[in-house]
Amino acid sequence: MRLVTLLKAGLTLDLYLFKNNRAAFISMLLWPYLVLALILGMGLSFGNPSSFKQKVGMHIDPIVYFVASTFIALSSLDVMWGISGQILFQRWIGTLPYTLIAPYRTSVTLIVTYIPRYLLSTFINILEFTPLILLMNGLYQGSIKIAVLLLAATIGMFPLLGFSALFASFLLAIKEESNVLSWINPIILMFSGAFYPAYLLPYWARLISHILPTTYTIELARTAAWLGSPDLTHITFLVGLLAGITIVYNLTAYLVVGAGEKKAMKEGAF
C-alpha cells in the first residue's frame, strides 16, 4: 500500500462524510461564525474596540484580529482531534488493533489520511471568512490578509502534526479511554493566546506558551489584523520560528512515537 493510497482514502472518507451526513456539513459551515460571534459578543459586553486597541497596545482591526484567532484556533483544534483524537475514537469503536497492524506505522497512517481533511476544512473556513475580510478591508488589503491567514494555516500545520503525533503516542502508551482532549485542547489554546495576546499572560504561563507551536501560528495569523500592509520582516521571523519548531517536534516524534506504538503492539491496544 502506497502513501498515495492513504491520501486518497482520507480524501474519499471526508467527501463521503459530507455527502452522506449533510447535518455535519452544515454544522461545519456554521461553526466558525458561531465561535466568532461568541468571542466578539463577550468582548463587546466588557468593552469596545477603542479600549481593546489600548489594552493590546497595537493599531489593529479588532474584527480581523478575532477572525484570525478563530480561524487558527479551529484549525489547531482540527489537527489535535484529527490525529490524537483518532486514537481515542478508534479505541472506542474497536478498530484501533487493525490500525496498529496496518502496513504503515500508526502515526504515519493517522497523519497521511488526515492531511486531505485539514486542507479541505481550512479551504472551506477561509472561503467563509473571505466576504467579511474583503468587506472590512477592500479587495487589495483584504487579499493580502487572506494570503497571510492561509500562510499561517499551512505553515502552522507542520509542527502541529509532530505535536499531535507525540500526544497520540502518549495516549497509546497509557491506554487512555476518557475524552481528555475535551479539556486539554482549551488549555492549549489559552496558553497559546487564542483568546487574548500571549504576552499578557503571567510569566509562568508565557514560559509554557513559548514551547507550543500554536502560539506562533496564532501570532503569524494575527499580523493580518494590522492596519495597512503586514510587516514582512515580522512574518519572515515567525515563519522561521515555525520552521525550527517543525524540525524539533517532528524529529522528536520520529524518535519517540515508535516506542509508544511498539508498546501498544506488545501489550495490546486495550
C-alpha atoms as a PDB file:
ATOM      1  CA  MET A   1       0.000   0.000   0.000  1.00  0.00           C
ATOM      2  CA  ARG A   2       1.446   3.343  -1.087  1.00  0.00           C
ATOM      3  CA  LEU A   3       1.188   6.659   0.736  1.00  0.00           C
ATOM      4  CA  VAL A   4      -0.870   7.971  -2.185  1.00  0.00           C
ATOM      5  CA  THR A   5      -3.440   5.299  -1.355  1.00  0.00           C
ATOM      6  CA  LEU A   6      -3.659   6.607   2.211  1.00  0.00           C
ATOM      7  CA  LEU A   7      -4.129  10.162   0.905  1.00  0.00           C
ATOM      8  CA  LYS A   8      -6.912   9.015  -1.427  1.00  0.00           C
ATOM      9  CA  ALA A   9      -8.539   7.053   1.400  1.00  0.00           C
ATOM     10  CA  GLY A  10      -8.539  10.103   3.672  1.00  0.00           C
ATOM     11  CA  LEU A  11      -9.976  12.364   0.960  1.00  0.00           C
ATOM     12  CA  THR A  12     -12.645   9.830  -0.039  1.00  0.00           C
ATOM     13  CA  LEU A  13     -13.676   9.358   3.589  1.00  0.00           C
ATOM     14  CA  ASP A  14     -14.207  13.085   4.083  1.00  0.00           C
ATOM     15  CA  LEU A  15     -16.064  13.637   0.816  1.00  0.00           C
ATOM     16  CA  TYR A  16     -18.472  10.794   1.545  1.00  0.00           C
ATOM     17  CA  LEU A  17     -18.877  12.004   5.123  1.00  0.00           C
ATOM     18  CA  PHE A  18     -20.049  15.395   3.840  1.00  0.00           C
ATOM     19  CA  LYS A  19     -22.204  13.770   1.172  1.00  0.00           C
ATOM     20  CA  ASN A  20     -23.955  11.308   3.486  1.00  0.00           C
ATOM     21  CA  ASN A  21     -24.079  13.468   6.613  1.00  0.00           C
ATOM     22  CA  ARG A  22     -25.343  16.843   5.473  1.00  0.00           C
ATOM     23  CA  ALA A  23     -26.177  17.926   9.016  1.00  0.00           C
ATOM     24  CA  ALA A  24     -22.492  17.602   9.933  1.00  0.00           C
ATOM     25  CA  PHE A  25     -21.526  19.585   6.824  1.00  0.00           C
ATOM     26  CA  ILE A  26     -23.968  22.377   7.661  1.00  0.00           C
ATOM     27  CA  SER A  27     -22.721  22.426  11.260  1.00  0.00           C
ATOM     28  CA  MET A  28     -19.144  22.759   9.980  1.00  0.00           C
ATOM     29  CA  LEU A  29     -20.183  25.750   7.871  1.00  0.00           C
ATOM     30  CA  LEU A  30     -21.954  27.464  10.775  1.00  0.00           C
ATOM     31  CA  TRP A  31     -19.366  26.706  13.447  1.00  0.00           C
ATOM     32  CA  PRO A  32     -16.712  29.354  12.541  1.00  0.00           C
ATOM     33  CA  TYR A  33     -19.198  32.222  12.655  1.00  0.00           C
ATOM     34  CA  LEU A  34     -20.796  30.908  15.845  1.00  0.00           C
ATOM     35  CA  VAL A  35     -17.376  30.896  17.545  1.00  0.00           C
ATOM     36  CA  LEU A  36     -16.538  34.355  16.159  1.00  0.00           C
ATOM     37  CA  ALA A  37     -19.906  35.718  17.305  1.00  0.00           C
ATOM     38  CA  LEU A  38     -19.342  34.316  20.803  1.00  0.00           C
ATOM     39  CA  ILE A  39     -15.865  35.867  21.101  1.00  0.00           C
ATOM     40  CA  LEU A  40     -16.956  39.244  19.724  1.00  0.00           C
ATOM     41  CA  GLY A  41     -20.117  39.212  21.828  1.00  0.00           C
ATOM     42  CA  MET A  42     -18.166  38.594  25.004  1.00  0.00           C
ATOM     43  CA  GLY A  43     -15.662  41.284  24.042  1.00  0.00           C
ATOM     44  CA  LEU A  44     -18.307  43.907  23.314  1.00  0.00           C
ATOM     45  CA  SER A  45     -20.116  43.105  26.556  1.00  0.00           C
ATOM     46  CA  PHE A  46     -16.985  44.036  28.549  1.00  0.00           C
ATOM     47  CA  GLY A  47     -15.551  46.843  26.425  1.00  0.00           C
ATOM     48  CA  ASN A  48     -15.316  48.437  22.987  1.00  0.00           C
ATOM     49  CA  PRO A  49     -12.871  48.444  20.037  1.00  0.00           C
ATOM     50  CA  SER A  50     -11.045  51.539  21.306  1.00  0.00           C
ATOM     51  CA  SER A  51     -10.347  50.080  24.743  1.00  0.00           C
ATOM     52  CA  PHE A  52      -9.285  46.804  23.122  1.00  0.00           C
ATOM     53  CA  LYS A  53      -6.685  48.587  20.960  1.00  0.00           C
ATOM     54  CA  GLN A  54      -5.429  50.436  24.023  1.00  0.00           C
ATOM     55  CA  LYS A  55      -5.009  47.257  26.085  1.00  0.00           C
ATOM     56  CA  VAL A  56      -3.381  45.306  23.265  1.00  0.00           C
ATOM     57  CA  GLY A  57      -1.075  48.218  22.525  1.00  0.00           C
ATOM     58  CA  MET A  58      -1.261  47.885  18.728  1.00  0.00           C
ATOM     59  CA  HIS A  59      -3.106  49.700  15.977  1.00  0.00           C
ATOM     60  CA  ILE A  60      -5.179  46.793  14.695  1.00  0.00           C
ATOM     61  CA  ASP A  61      -8.594  45.919  13.342  1.00  0.00           C
ATOM     62  CA  PRO A  62     -10.406  44.033  16.156  1.00  0.00           C
ATOM     63  CA  ILE A  63     -12.704  42.196  13.725  1.00  0.00           C
ATOM     64  CA  VAL A  64      -9.855  40.800  11.614  1.00  0.00           C
ATOM     65  CA  TYR A  65      -7.881  40.147  14.816  1.00  0.00           C
ATOM     66  CA  PHE A  66     -10.548  37.793  16.128  1.00  0.00           C
ATOM     67  CA  VAL A  67     -11.263  36.345  12.680  1.00  0.00           C
ATOM     68  CA  ALA A  68      -7.582  35.326  12.591  1.00  0.00           C
ATOM     69  CA  SER A  69      -7.793  33.944  16.133  1.00  0.00           C
ATOM     70  CA  THR A  70     -10.956  31.980  15.356  1.00  0.00           C
ATOM     71  CA  PHE A  71      -9.599  30.636  12.071  1.00  0.00           C
ATOM     72  CA  ILE A  72      -6.324  29.371  13.551  1.00  0.00           C
ATOM     73  CA  ALA A  73      -7.951  28.118  16.762  1.00  0.00           C
ATOM     74  CA  LEU A  74     -10.381  25.991  14.745  1.00  0.00           C
ATOM     75  CA  SER A  75      -7.566  24.735  12.503  1.00  0.00           C
ATOM     76  CA  SER A  76      -5.430  23.815  15.523  1.00  0.00           C
ATOM     77  CA  LEU A  77      -8.307  22.006  17.209  1.00  0.00           C
ATOM     78  CA  ASP A  78      -8.948  20.145  13.985  1.00  0.00           C
ATOM     79  CA  VAL A  79      -5.362  18.861  13.890  1.00  0.00           C
ATOM     80  CA  MET A  80      -5.457  17.724  17.521  1.00  0.00           C
ATOM     81  CA  TRP A  81      -8.770  15.945  17.088  1.00  0.00           C
ATOM     82  CA  GLY A  82      -7.878  14.600  13.645  1.00  0.00           C
ATOM     83  CA  ILE A  83      -4.695  12.857  14.846  1.00  0.00           C
ATOM     84  CA  SER A  84      -4.653  12.473  18.637  1.00  0.00           C
ATOM     85  CA  GLY A  85      -8.435  12.186  18.796  1.00  0.00           C
ATOM     86  CA  GLN A  86      -8.394   9.317  16.310  1.00  0.00           C
ATOM     87  CA  ILE A  87      -6.613   7.153  18.888  1.00  0.00           C
ATOM     88  CA  LEU A  88      -9.485   7.704  21.316  1.00  0.00           C
ATOM     89  CA  PHE A  89     -12.186   7.321  18.661  1.00  0.00           C
ATOM     90  CA  GLN A  90     -10.761   4.110  17.217  1.00  0.00           C
ATOM     91  CA  ARG A  91     -10.302   2.665  20.691  1.00  0.00           C
ATOM     92  CA  TRP A  92     -13.964   3.422  21.469  1.00  0.00           C
ATOM     93  CA  ILE A  93     -15.290   1.750  18.300  1.00  0.00           C
ATOM     94  CA  GLY A  94     -12.839  -1.172  18.440  1.00  0.00           C
ATOM     95  CA  THR A  95     -10.829  -0.535  15.250  1.00  0.00           C
ATOM     96  CA  LEU A  96      -7.539   0.503  16.895  1.00  0.00           C
ATOM     97  CA  PRO A  97      -5.986  -3.014  16.741  1.00  0.00           C
ATOM     98  CA  TYR A  98      -6.486  -3.057  12.948  1.00  0.00           C
ATOM     99  CA  THR A  99      -4.796   0.344  12.595  1.00  0.00           C
ATOM    100  CA  LEU A 100      -1.869  -0.869  14.696  1.00  0.00           C
ATOM    101  CA  ILE A 101      -1.219  -3.829  12.385  1.00  0.00           C
ATOM    102  CA  ALA A 102      -1.612  -1.816   9.163  1.00  0.00           C
ATOM    103  CA  PRO A 103       1.371  -1.864   6.747  1.00  0.00           C
ATOM    104  CA  TYR A 104       2.458   1.633   7.770  1.00  0.00           C
ATOM    105  CA  ARG A 105       3.193   2.873  11.276  1.00  0.00           C
ATOM    106  CA  THR A 106       0.098   4.062  13.124  1.00  0.00           C
ATOM    107  CA  SER A 107       1.349   7.655  13.274  1.00  0.00           C
ATOM    108  CA  VAL A 108       2.005   7.681   9.513  1.00  0.00           C
ATOM    109  CA  THR A 109      -1.464   6.279   8.803  1.00  0.00           C
ATOM    110  CA  LEU A 110      -3.171   8.849  11.027  1.00  0.00           C
ATOM    111  CA  ILE A 111      -1.201  11.809   9.660  1.00  0.00           C
ATOM    112  CA  VAL A 112      -1.349  10.969   5.951  1.00  0.00           C
ATOM    113  CA  THR A 113      -5.068  10.143   5.957  1.00  0.00           C
ATOM    114  CA  TYR A 114      -5.750  13.343   7.911  1.00  0.00           C
ATOM    115  CA  ILE A 115      -3.896  15.844   5.669  1.00  0.00           C
ATOM    116  CA  PRO A 116      -6.627  15.987   2.947  1.00  0.00           C
ATOM    117  CA  ARG A 117      -9.240  16.684   5.625  1.00  0.00           C
ATOM    118  CA  TYR A 118      -7.179  19.531   7.069  1.00  0.00           C
ATOM    119  CA  LEU A 119      -6.616  21.143   3.686  1.00  0.00           C
ATOM    120  CA  LEU A 120     -10.290  20.786   2.768  1.00  0.00           C
ATOM    121  CA  SER A 121     -11.626  22.180   6.053  1.00  0.00           C
ATOM    122  CA  THR A 122      -9.076  25.027   6.028  1.00  0.00           C
ATOM    123  CA  PHE A 123     -10.063  25.952   2.478  1.00  0.00           C
ATOM    124  CA  ILE A 124     -13.753  25.947   3.414  1.00  0.00           C
ATOM    125  CA  ASN A 125     -13.150  28.051   6.543  1.00  0.00           C
ATOM    126  CA  ILE A 126     -11.119  30.693   4.696  1.00  0.00           C
ATOM    127  CA  LEU A 127     -13.809  30.853   1.999  1.00  0.00           C
ATOM    128  CA  GLU A 128     -16.378  31.532   4.702  1.00  0.00           C
ATOM    129  CA  PHE A 129     -14.393  34.413   6.188  1.00  0.00           C
ATOM    130  CA  THR A 130     -13.364  35.874   2.809  1.00  0.00           C
ATOM    131  CA  PRO A 131     -16.511  38.023   2.281  1.00  0.00           C
ATOM    132  CA  LEU A 132     -16.197  39.531   5.771  1.00  0.00           C
ATOM    133  CA  ILE A 133     -12.480  40.308   5.367  1.00  0.00           C
ATOM    134  CA  LEU A 134     -12.983  41.842   1.905  1.00  0.00           C
ATOM    135  CA  LEU A 135     -15.920  43.882   3.180  1.00  0.00           C
ATOM    136  CA  MET A 136     -13.871  45.261   6.081  1.00  0.00           C
ATOM    137  CA  ASN A 137     -10.618  45.900   4.182  1.00  0.00           C
ATOM    138  CA  GLY A 138     -11.340  46.164   0.473  1.00  0.00           C
ATOM    139  CA  LEU A 139     -10.105  43.932  -2.324  1.00  0.00           C
ATOM    140  CA  TYR A 140      -6.361  44.699  -2.210  1.00  0.00           C
ATOM    141  CA  GLN A 141      -5.757  44.806   1.557  1.00  0.00           C
ATOM    142  CA  GLY A 142      -8.279  42.033   2.117  1.00  0.00           C
ATOM    143  CA  SER A 143      -6.498  39.748  -0.351  1.00  0.00           C
ATOM    144  CA  ILE A 144      -3.182  40.326   1.451  1.00  0.00           C
ATOM    145  CA  LYS A 145      -4.750  39.490   4.812  1.00  0.00           C
ATOM    146  CA  ILE A 146      -6.343  36.327   3.399  1.00  0.00           C
ATOM    147  CA  ALA A 147      -2.954  35.286   1.994  1.00  0.00           C
ATOM    148  CA  VAL A 148      -1.363  35.775   5.436  1.00  0.00           C
ATOM    149  CA  LEU A 149      -4.069  33.626   7.059  1.00  0.00           C
ATOM    150  CA  LEU A 150      -3.538  30.856   4.501  1.00  0.00           C
ATOM    151  CA  LEU A 151       0.219  31.049   5.059  1.00  0.00           C
ATOM    152  CA  ALA A 152      -0.262  30.746   8.823  1.00  0.00           C
ATOM    153  CA  ALA A 153      -2.639  27.794   8.475  1.00  0.00           C
ATOM    154  CA  THR A 154      -0.319  25.980   6.051  1.00  0.00           C
ATOM    155  CA  ILE A 155       2.992  26.590   7.842  1.00  0.00           C
ATOM    156  CA  GLY A 156       1.391  26.075  11.249  1.00  0.00           C
ATOM    157  CA  MET A 157       0.134  22.627  10.282  1.00  0.00           C
ATOM    158  CA  PHE A 158       3.614  21.065  10.121  1.00  0.00           C
ATOM    159  CA  PRO A 159       4.743  21.474  13.760  1.00  0.00           C
ATOM    160  CA  LEU A 160       1.237  20.566  14.929  1.00  0.00           C
ATOM    161  CA  LEU A 161       1.459  17.247  13.091  1.00  0.00           C
ATOM    162  CA  GLY A 162       4.506  16.268  15.142  1.00  0.00           C
ATOM    163  CA  PHE A 163       2.990  17.663  18.341  1.00  0.00           C
ATOM    164  CA  SER A 164      -0.239  15.711  17.793  1.00  0.00           C
ATOM    165  CA  ALA A 165       1.656  12.538  16.877  1.00  0.00           C
ATOM    166  CA  LEU A 166       3.569  12.766  20.163  1.00  0.00           C
ATOM    167  CA  PHE A 167       0.332  13.142  22.086  1.00  0.00           C
ATOM    168  CA  ALA A 168      -1.247  10.264  20.153  1.00  0.00           C
ATOM    169  CA  SER A 169       1.709   8.059  21.085  1.00  0.00           C
ATOM    170  CA  PHE A 170       1.257   9.071  24.713  1.00  0.00           C
ATOM    171  CA  LEU A 171      -2.423   8.070  24.584  1.00  0.00           C
ATOM    172  CA  LEU A 172      -1.423   4.736  23.047  1.00  0.00           C
ATOM    173  CA  ALA A 173       1.148   4.051  25.746  1.00  0.00           C
ATOM    174  CA  ILE A 174      -1.105   4.816  28.718  1.00  0.00           C
ATOM    175  CA  LYS A 175      -4.216   3.213  27.128  1.00  0.00           C
ATOM    176  CA  GLU A 176      -6.291   6.285  27.912  1.00  0.00           C
ATOM    177  CA  GLU A 177     -10.018   5.875  27.192  1.00  0.00           C
ATOM    178  CA  SER A 178     -11.546   9.062  28.612  1.00  0.00           C
ATOM    179  CA  ASN A 179     -12.063  12.111  26.409  1.00  0.00           C
ATOM    180  CA  VAL A 180      -9.019  14.013  27.697  1.00  0.00           C
ATOM    181  CA  LEU A 181      -8.819  16.222  24.611  1.00  0.00           C
ATOM    182  CA  SER A 182     -12.077  17.932  25.564  1.00  0.00           C
ATOM    183  CA  TRP A 183     -10.299  19.742  28.404  1.00  0.00           C
ATOM    184  CA  ILE A 184      -6.680  19.699  27.186  1.00  0.00           C
ATOM    185  CA  ASN A 185      -7.402  21.490  23.896  1.00  0.00           C
ATOM    186  CA  PRO A 186      -8.939  24.615  25.516  1.00  0.00           C
ATOM    187  CA  ILE A 187      -5.953  24.824  27.883  1.00  0.00           C
ATOM    188  CA  ILE A 188      -3.550  24.656  24.930  1.00  0.00           C
ATOM    189  CA  LEU A 189      -5.463  27.436  23.166  1.00  0.00           C
ATOM    190  CA  MET A 190      -5.479  29.544  26.323  1.00  0.00           C
ATOM    191  CA  PHE A 191      -1.698  29.280  26.756  1.00  0.00           C
ATOM    192  CA  SER A 192      -1.256  29.925  23.018  1.00  0.00           C
ATOM    193  CA  GLY A 193      -3.004  33.275  23.273  1.00  0.00           C
ATOM    194  CA  ALA A 194      -6.020  32.341  21.164  1.00  0.00           C
ATOM    195  CA  PHE A 195      -8.377  34.402  23.310  1.00  0.00           C
ATOM    196  CA  TYR A 196      -6.027  37.285  24.150  1.00  0.00           C
ATOM    197  CA  PRO A 197      -2.353  38.057  23.393  1.00  0.00           C
ATOM    198  CA  ALA A 198       0.085  35.586  24.936  1.00  0.00           C
ATOM    199  CA  TYR A 199       2.343  38.410  26.170  1.00  0.00           C
ATOM    200  CA  LEU A 200      -0.432  39.481  28.562  1.00  0.00           C
ATOM    201  CA  LEU A 201      -0.256  36.111  30.351  1.00  0.00           C
ATOM    202  CA  PRO A 202       1.609  35.690  33.667  1.00  0.00           C
ATOM    203  CA  TYR A 203       5.321  34.917  33.407  1.00  0.00           C
ATOM    204  CA  TRP A 204       4.939  31.187  34.162  1.00  0.00           C
ATOM    205  CA  ALA A 205       2.192  30.890  31.542  1.00  0.00           C
ATOM    206  CA  ARG A 206       4.347  32.665  28.946  1.00  0.00           C
ATOM    207  CA  LEU A 207       7.062  30.049  29.514  1.00  0.00           C
ATOM    208  CA  ILE A 208       4.554  27.350  28.578  1.00  0.00           C
ATOM    209  CA  SER A 209       3.312  29.329  25.582  1.00  0.00           C
ATOM    210  CA  HIS A 210       6.848  29.537  24.167  1.00  0.00           C
ATOM    211  CA  ILE A 211       7.011  25.758  23.620  1.00  0.00           C
ATOM    212  CA  LEU A 212       3.581  25.458  21.961  1.00  0.00           C
ATOM    213  CA  PRO A 213       3.569  25.638  18.141  1.00  0.00           C
ATOM    214  CA  THR A 214       0.085  27.159  18.169  1.00  0.00           C
ATOM    215  CA  THR A 215       1.436  30.300  19.872  1.00  0.00           C
ATOM    216  CA  TYR A 216       3.490  31.271  16.829  1.00  0.00           C
ATOM    217  CA  THR A 217       0.822  30.176  14.341  1.00  0.00           C
ATOM    218  CA  ILE A 218      -1.750  32.426  16.014  1.00  0.00           C
ATOM    219  CA  GLU A 219       0.754  35.297  16.184  1.00  0.00           C
ATOM    220  CA  LEU A 220       1.511  34.890  12.467  1.00  0.00           C
ATOM    221  CA  ALA A 221      -2.186  34.901  11.580  1.00  0.00           C
ATOM    222  CA  ARG A 222      -2.784  37.998  13.679  1.00  0.00           C
ATOM    223  CA  THR A 223      -0.333  40.035  11.624  1.00  0.00           C
ATOM    224  CA  ALA A 224      -3.222  40.155   9.147  1.00  0.00           C
ATOM    225  CA  ALA A 225      -5.091  42.345  11.646  1.00  0.00           C
ATOM    226  CA  TRP A 226      -2.524  45.150  11.496  1.00  0.00           C
ATOM    227  CA  LEU A 227      -3.921  48.203   9.767  1.00  0.00           C
ATOM    228  CA  GLY A 228      -2.152  48.629   6.443  1.00  0.00           C
ATOM    229  CA  SER A 229       0.184  46.066   4.913  1.00  0.00           C
ATOM    230  CA  PRO A 230       1.613  43.421   7.287  1.00  0.00           C
ATOM    231  CA  ASP A 231       5.269  43.709   8.288  1.00  0.00           C
ATOM    232  CA  LEU A 232       7.174  41.246   6.078  1.00  0.00           C
ATOM    233  CA  THR A 233      10.119  41.195   8.486  1.00  0.00           C
ATOM    234  CA  HIS A 234       7.898  40.045  11.347  1.00  0.00           C
ATOM    235  CA  ILE A 235       6.178  37.491   9.117  1.00  0.00           C
ATOM    236  CA  THR A 236       9.533  36.093   7.955  1.00  0.00           C
ATOM    237  CA  PHE A 237      10.729  35.864  11.562  1.00  0.00           C
ATOM    238  CA  LEU A 238       7.622  33.917  12.629  1.00  0.00           C
ATOM    239  CA  VAL A 239       7.838  31.602   9.609  1.00  0.00           C
ATOM    240  CA  GLY A 240      11.461  30.883  10.539  1.00  0.00           C
ATOM    241  CA  LEU A 241      10.452  30.119  14.129  1.00  0.00           C
ATOM    242  CA  LEU A 242       7.721  27.755  12.949  1.00  0.00           C
ATOM    243  CA  ALA A 243      10.187  26.034  10.621  1.00  0.00           C
ATOM    244  CA  GLY A 244      12.573  25.472  13.533  1.00  0.00           C
ATOM    245  CA  ILE A 245       9.780  24.200  15.784  1.00  0.00           C
ATOM    246  CA  THR A 246       8.641  21.902  12.967  1.00  0.00           C
ATOM    247  CA  ILE A 247      12.076  20.284  12.854  1.00  0.00           C
ATOM    248  CA  VAL A 248      12.186  19.872  16.640  1.00  0.00           C
ATOM    249  CA  TYR A 249       8.695  18.400  17.071  1.00  0.00           C
ATOM    250  CA  ASN A 250       8.758  16.154  14.014  1.00  0.00           C
ATOM    251  CA  LEU A 251      12.251  14.860  14.754  1.00  0.00           C
ATOM    252  CA  THR A 252      11.203  14.159  18.344  1.00  0.00           C
ATOM    253  CA  ALA A 253       8.039  12.463  17.105  1.00  0.00           C
ATOM    254  CA  TYR A 254      10.065  10.330  14.690  1.00  0.00           C
ATOM    255  CA  LEU A 255      12.311   9.151  17.526  1.00  0.00           C
ATOM    256  CA  VAL A 256       9.688   8.767  20.267  1.00  0.00           C
ATOM    257  CA  VAL A 257       6.408   7.769  18.615  1.00  0.00           C
ATOM    258  CA  GLY A 258       7.691   4.353  17.602  1.00  0.00           C
ATOM    259  CA  ALA A 259       8.195   3.424  21.266  1.00  0.00           C
ATOM    260  CA  GLY A 260       4.535   4.050  22.069  1.00  0.00           C
ATOM    261  CA  GLU A 261       3.408   2.075  19.049  1.00  0.00           C
ATOM    262  CA  LYS A 262       5.683  -0.866  19.900  1.00  0.00           C
ATOM    263  CA  LYS A 263       4.360  -0.897  23.459  1.00  0.00           C
ATOM    264  CA  ALA A 264       0.782  -0.942  22.170  1.00  0.00           C
ATOM    265  CA  MET A 265       1.641  -3.756  19.741  1.00  0.00           C
ATOM    266  CA  LYS A 266       3.282  -5.773  22.518  1.00  0.00           C
ATOM    267  CA  GLU A 267       0.725  -5.238  25.278  1.00  0.00           C
ATOM    268  CA  GLY A 268      -2.419  -4.771  23.177  1.00  0.00           C
ATOM    269  CA  ALA A 269      -4.473  -1.710  22.312  1.00  0.00           C
ATOM    270  CA  PHE A 270      -6.943  -2.114  25.168  1.00  0.00           C
END
